[in-house]
């Protein structure tokens, strides 16, 4: 069961995390009335630091900047909450400048809640390590489409992209979809289906692979 008291505890944990991220300088509290005003206030910092993006508030009525998913991740019989957060671009850049989604898992722990991103991090790290086998470019995009508990196995599906060394910033060569299967010990595997587009002649090749989550 997930009652109002549980939800209030979850919100408190989320809000504490948000305050800490802003205090660390990773994000700003909010955008200003327009992009020009924001740039004038922060000077070059909005480019060199992580101050271009604001973290949305967790309001009573959710908007497109925060989505929620409820699933029993730690298999204790109690619903946990995963927040998908889309940081807001305060200078209104194009699609290529969008910040990757953030995922925060608020997990039940005895009579309270804590942040524990182990399950998601295991999948994201495995995909990031796979990217390192193909490219020297920095990891770019990771998005979860669904998470569910299937008889004690966490099934996580989503998509990602890999920029090969010669790719333009607009266009990653490899687009992949993944389905991860994670057990209670946080081990499992990931099935990947990918499309590799040749940027010179626009031909496509498909391939599959399997990653181990240790």
Protein backbone atom coordinates (compact mmCIF):
# COMPACT_ATOMS: atom_id res chain seq x y z
CA UNK A 1 0.00 0.00 0.00
CA UNK A 2 1.06 3.58 -0.61
CA UNK A 3 -0.73 6.11 1.56
CA UNK A 4 -0.52 9.87 2.06
CA UNK A 5 2.04 9.52 4.84
CA UNK A 6 4.31 7.50 2.55
CA UNK A 7 3.95 10.07 -0.23
CA UNK A 8 4.78 12.94 2.14
CA UNK A 9 7.93 11.09 3.21
CA UNK A 10 8.89 10.51 -0.42
CA UNK A 11 8.41 14.20 -1.24
CA UNK A 12 10.59 15.19 1.71
CA UNK A 13 13.41 12.92 0.51
CA UNK A 14 13.09 14.27 -3.03
CA UNK A 15 13.13 17.89 -1.87
CA UNK A 16 16.23 17.28 0.25
CA UNK A 17 18.00 15.78 -2.76
CA UNK A 18 16.97 18.74 -4.93
CA UNK A 19 18.29 21.28 -2.40
CA UNK A 20 21.61 19.45 -2.19
CA UNK A 21 22.06 19.36 -5.97
CA UNK A 22 21.42 23.10 -6.21
CA UNK A 23 23.71 23.82 -3.26
CA UNK A 24 26.51 21.83 -4.93
CA UNK A 25 26.17 24.11 -7.96
CA UNK A 26 24.98 21.40 -10.33
CA UNK A 27 21.76 23.26 -11.13
CA UNK A 28 20.02 26.56 -10.44
CA UNK A 29 16.86 26.97 -8.40
CA UNK A 30 14.86 28.39 -11.29
CA UNK A 31 15.17 30.13 -14.65
CA UNK A 32 14.67 33.87 -15.00
CA UNK A 33 11.99 35.57 -17.05
CA UNK A 34 13.96 35.21 -20.30
CA UNK A 35 17.19 33.70 -21.60
CA UNK A 36 18.96 37.04 -22.06
CA UNK A 37 18.38 37.99 -18.42
CA UNK A 38 19.70 34.60 -17.33
CA UNK A 39 22.88 34.89 -19.42
CA UNK A 40 23.53 38.42 -18.16
CA UNK A 41 23.22 37.24 -14.57
CA UNK A 42 25.58 34.26 -14.85
CA UNK A 43 28.00 35.56 -17.47
CA UNK A 44 30.13 32.73 -18.85
CA UNK A 45 29.26 30.41 -15.97
CA UNK A 46 26.17 29.06 -17.69
CA UNK A 47 28.53 27.60 -20.34
CA UNK A 48 31.46 26.45 -18.20
CA UNK A 49 29.57 25.23 -15.13
CA UNK A 50 26.38 23.21 -14.79
CA UNK A 51 24.31 26.33 -14.27
CA UNK A 52 22.40 26.30 -17.52
CA UNK A 53 19.66 24.05 -16.21
CA UNK A 54 17.11 24.40 -13.43
CA UNK A 55 15.64 21.54 -11.44
CA UNK A 56 11.85 21.55 -11.53
CA UNK A 57 9.92 21.55 -8.29
CA UNK A 58 7.91 18.57 -7.17
CA UNK A 59 4.46 20.12 -7.15
CA UNK A 60 1.12 18.56 -6.33
CA UNK A 61 0.19 18.56 -10.01
CA UNK A 62 2.90 16.98 -12.12
CA UNK A 63 3.98 18.51 -15.39
CA UNK A 64 6.13 17.22 -18.22
CA UNK A 65 9.33 18.07 -16.31
CA UNK A 66 8.76 15.37 -13.66
CA UNK A 67 7.20 11.94 -14.20
CA UNK A 68 6.74 9.24 -11.58
CA UNK A 69 6.75 5.46 -11.68
CA UNK A 70 5.82 3.25 -8.73
CA UNK A 71 7.37 -0.22 -8.52
CA UNK A 72 8.75 -2.43 -5.76
CA UNK A 73 12.45 -2.26 -6.65
CA UNK A 74 13.97 -3.69 -3.47
CA UNK A 75 11.38 -6.49 -3.34
CA UNK A 76 10.21 -5.79 0.20
CA UNK A 77 6.53 -5.81 -0.71
CA UNK A 78 6.25 -2.01 -0.56
CA UNK A 79 5.97 0.39 -3.47
CA UNK A 80 9.00 2.56 -4.26
CA UNK A 81 8.97 5.71 -6.37
CA UNK A 82 11.17 6.51 -9.36
CA UNK A 83 11.24 10.10 -10.51
CA UNK A 84 12.16 10.94 -14.08
CA UNK A 85 13.29 14.57 -14.07
CA UNK A 86 13.81 16.70 -17.16
CA UNK A 87 16.02 19.66 -16.17
CA UNK A 88 14.80 22.93 -17.68
CA UNK A 89 17.07 24.70 -20.18
CA UNK A 90 17.20 28.30 -18.98
CA UNK A 91 18.64 29.63 -22.25
CA UNK A 92 16.08 27.91 -24.48
CA UNK A 93 18.50 25.97 -26.64
CA UNK A 94 17.59 23.58 -29.43
CA UNK A 95 16.89 19.87 -29.04
CA UNK A 96 20.57 18.94 -29.10
CA UNK A 97 21.14 20.95 -25.91
CA UNK A 98 18.49 19.11 -23.90
CA UNK A 99 19.81 17.73 -20.63
CA UNK A 100 19.52 13.93 -20.39
CA UNK A 101 16.76 12.81 -18.03
CA UNK A 102 17.69 12.28 -14.39
CA UNK A 103 16.35 9.29 -12.50
CA UNK A 104 16.00 9.35 -8.73
CA UNK A 105 14.84 6.20 -6.95
CA UNK A 106 13.24 6.77 -3.55
CA UNK A 107 13.25 3.36 -1.90
CA UNK A 108 11.42 2.15 1.20
CA UNK A 109 13.76 1.40 4.10
CA UNK A 110 12.06 0.06 7.23
CA UNK A 111 9.62 2.84 8.18
CA UNK A 112 11.15 5.58 6.03
CA UNK A 113 12.53 6.23 2.55
CA UNK A 114 16.01 6.75 1.16
CA UNK A 115 17.53 7.48 -2.25
CA UNK A 116 19.09 4.37 -3.73
CA UNK A 117 19.80 4.42 -7.48
CA UNK A 118 21.65 1.09 -7.52
CA UNK A 119 19.22 -0.67 -9.84
CA UNK A 120 19.18 2.06 -12.48
CA UNK A 121 22.90 2.77 -12.11
CA UNK A 122 23.74 -0.88 -12.78
CA UNK A 123 21.98 -0.75 -16.14
CA UNK A 124 23.28 2.70 -17.07
CA UNK A 125 26.87 1.79 -16.15
CA UNK A 126 26.76 -1.40 -18.22
CA UNK A 127 25.58 0.54 -21.27
CA UNK A 128 28.17 3.25 -20.67
CA UNK A 129 30.95 0.64 -20.44
CA UNK A 130 29.71 -0.90 -23.66
CA UNK A 131 29.92 2.50 -25.33
CA UNK A 132 33.58 2.73 -24.33
CA UNK A 133 34.28 -0.34 -26.44
CA UNK A 134 32.99 1.47 -29.54
CA UNK A 135 33.92 5.11 -29.10
CA UNK A 136 36.08 7.61 -27.25
CA UNK A 137 33.25 10.12 -27.20
CA UNK A 138 31.56 11.02 -23.96
CA UNK A 139 28.40 9.16 -23.02
CA UNK A 140 25.44 11.13 -24.31
CA UNK A 141 21.92 9.85 -23.71
CA UNK A 142 20.13 7.28 -21.56
CA UNK A 143 16.38 7.10 -21.22
CA UNK A 144 14.13 4.65 -19.40
CA UNK A 145 10.73 3.98 -20.93
CA UNK A 146 9.35 1.53 -18.35
CA UNK A 147 10.24 -0.32 -15.15
CA UNK A 148 8.26 -3.19 -13.71
CA UNK A 149 8.57 -6.01 -11.22
CA UNK A 150 8.00 -9.36 -12.93
CA UNK A 151 7.84 -12.08 -10.25
CA UNK A 152 10.86 -10.73 -8.37
CA UNK A 153 12.83 -9.65 -11.45
CA UNK A 154 13.07 -5.94 -12.23
CA UNK A 155 12.54 -5.46 -15.96
CA UNK A 156 13.78 -2.10 -17.25
CA UNK A 157 13.42 -1.03 -20.87
CA UNK A 158 14.59 2.11 -22.61
CA UNK A 159 16.85 3.57 -25.26
CA UNK A 160 20.25 5.14 -25.63
CA UNK A 161 22.56 6.58 -28.27
CA UNK A 162 26.25 6.24 -29.00
CA UNK A 163 28.32 8.85 -30.80
CA UNK A 164 31.17 7.31 -32.75
CA UNK A 165 34.42 9.23 -32.93
CA UNK A 166 33.69 10.99 -36.23
CA UNK A 167 30.01 11.76 -35.61
CA UNK A 168 28.72 15.32 -35.74
CA UNK A 169 27.19 16.58 -32.49
CA UNK A 170 23.72 16.39 -34.00
CA UNK A 171 23.81 12.81 -35.13
CA UNK A 172 24.86 9.71 -33.19
CA UNK A 173 25.57 6.75 -35.44
CA UNK A 174 24.17 4.14 -33.08
CA UNK A 175 20.65 4.19 -31.66
CA UNK A 176 19.79 1.30 -29.41
CA UNK A 177 16.92 -0.07 -27.38
CA UNK A 178 17.54 -2.18 -24.32
CA UNK A 179 15.74 -4.45 -21.89
CA UNK A 180 17.49 -5.15 -18.60
CA UNK A 181 16.67 -7.96 -16.18
CA UNK A 182 17.91 -7.43 -12.60
CA UNK A 183 17.42 -9.80 -9.69
CA UNK A 184 17.35 -9.07 -5.95
CA UNK A 185 21.16 -9.22 -5.71
CA UNK A 186 21.32 -6.49 -8.39
CA UNK A 187 22.82 -8.84 -10.97
CA UNK A 188 21.42 -9.85 -14.34
CA UNK A 189 21.76 -9.04 -18.00
CA UNK A 190 20.73 -6.54 -20.69
CA UNK A 191 19.50 -7.41 -24.17
CA UNK A 192 20.34 -4.75 -26.75
CA UNK A 193 19.00 -4.22 -30.26
CA UNK A 194 20.74 -1.46 -32.19
CA UNK A 195 20.83 0.31 -35.53
CA UNK A 196 24.14 1.64 -36.83
CA UNK A 197 23.74 4.33 -39.48
CA UNK A 198 26.67 5.04 -41.77
CA UNK A 199 26.84 8.84 -41.76
CA UNK A 200 28.51 8.98 -45.18
CA UNK A 201 26.08 6.97 -47.32
CA UNK A 202 23.13 6.79 -44.87
CA UNK A 203 22.99 3.00 -44.99
CA UNK A 204 21.85 1.09 -41.91
CA UNK A 205 22.92 -2.15 -40.29
CA UNK A 206 21.23 -3.84 -37.35
CA UNK A 207 22.86 -5.86 -34.61
CA UNK A 208 22.10 -7.42 -31.24
CA UNK A 209 24.23 -7.97 -28.18
CA UNK A 210 23.94 -9.04 -24.56
CA UNK A 211 25.56 -7.33 -21.60
CA UNK A 212 26.16 -8.88 -18.19
CA UNK A 213 25.26 -6.92 -15.06
CA UNK A 214 27.71 -7.92 -12.33
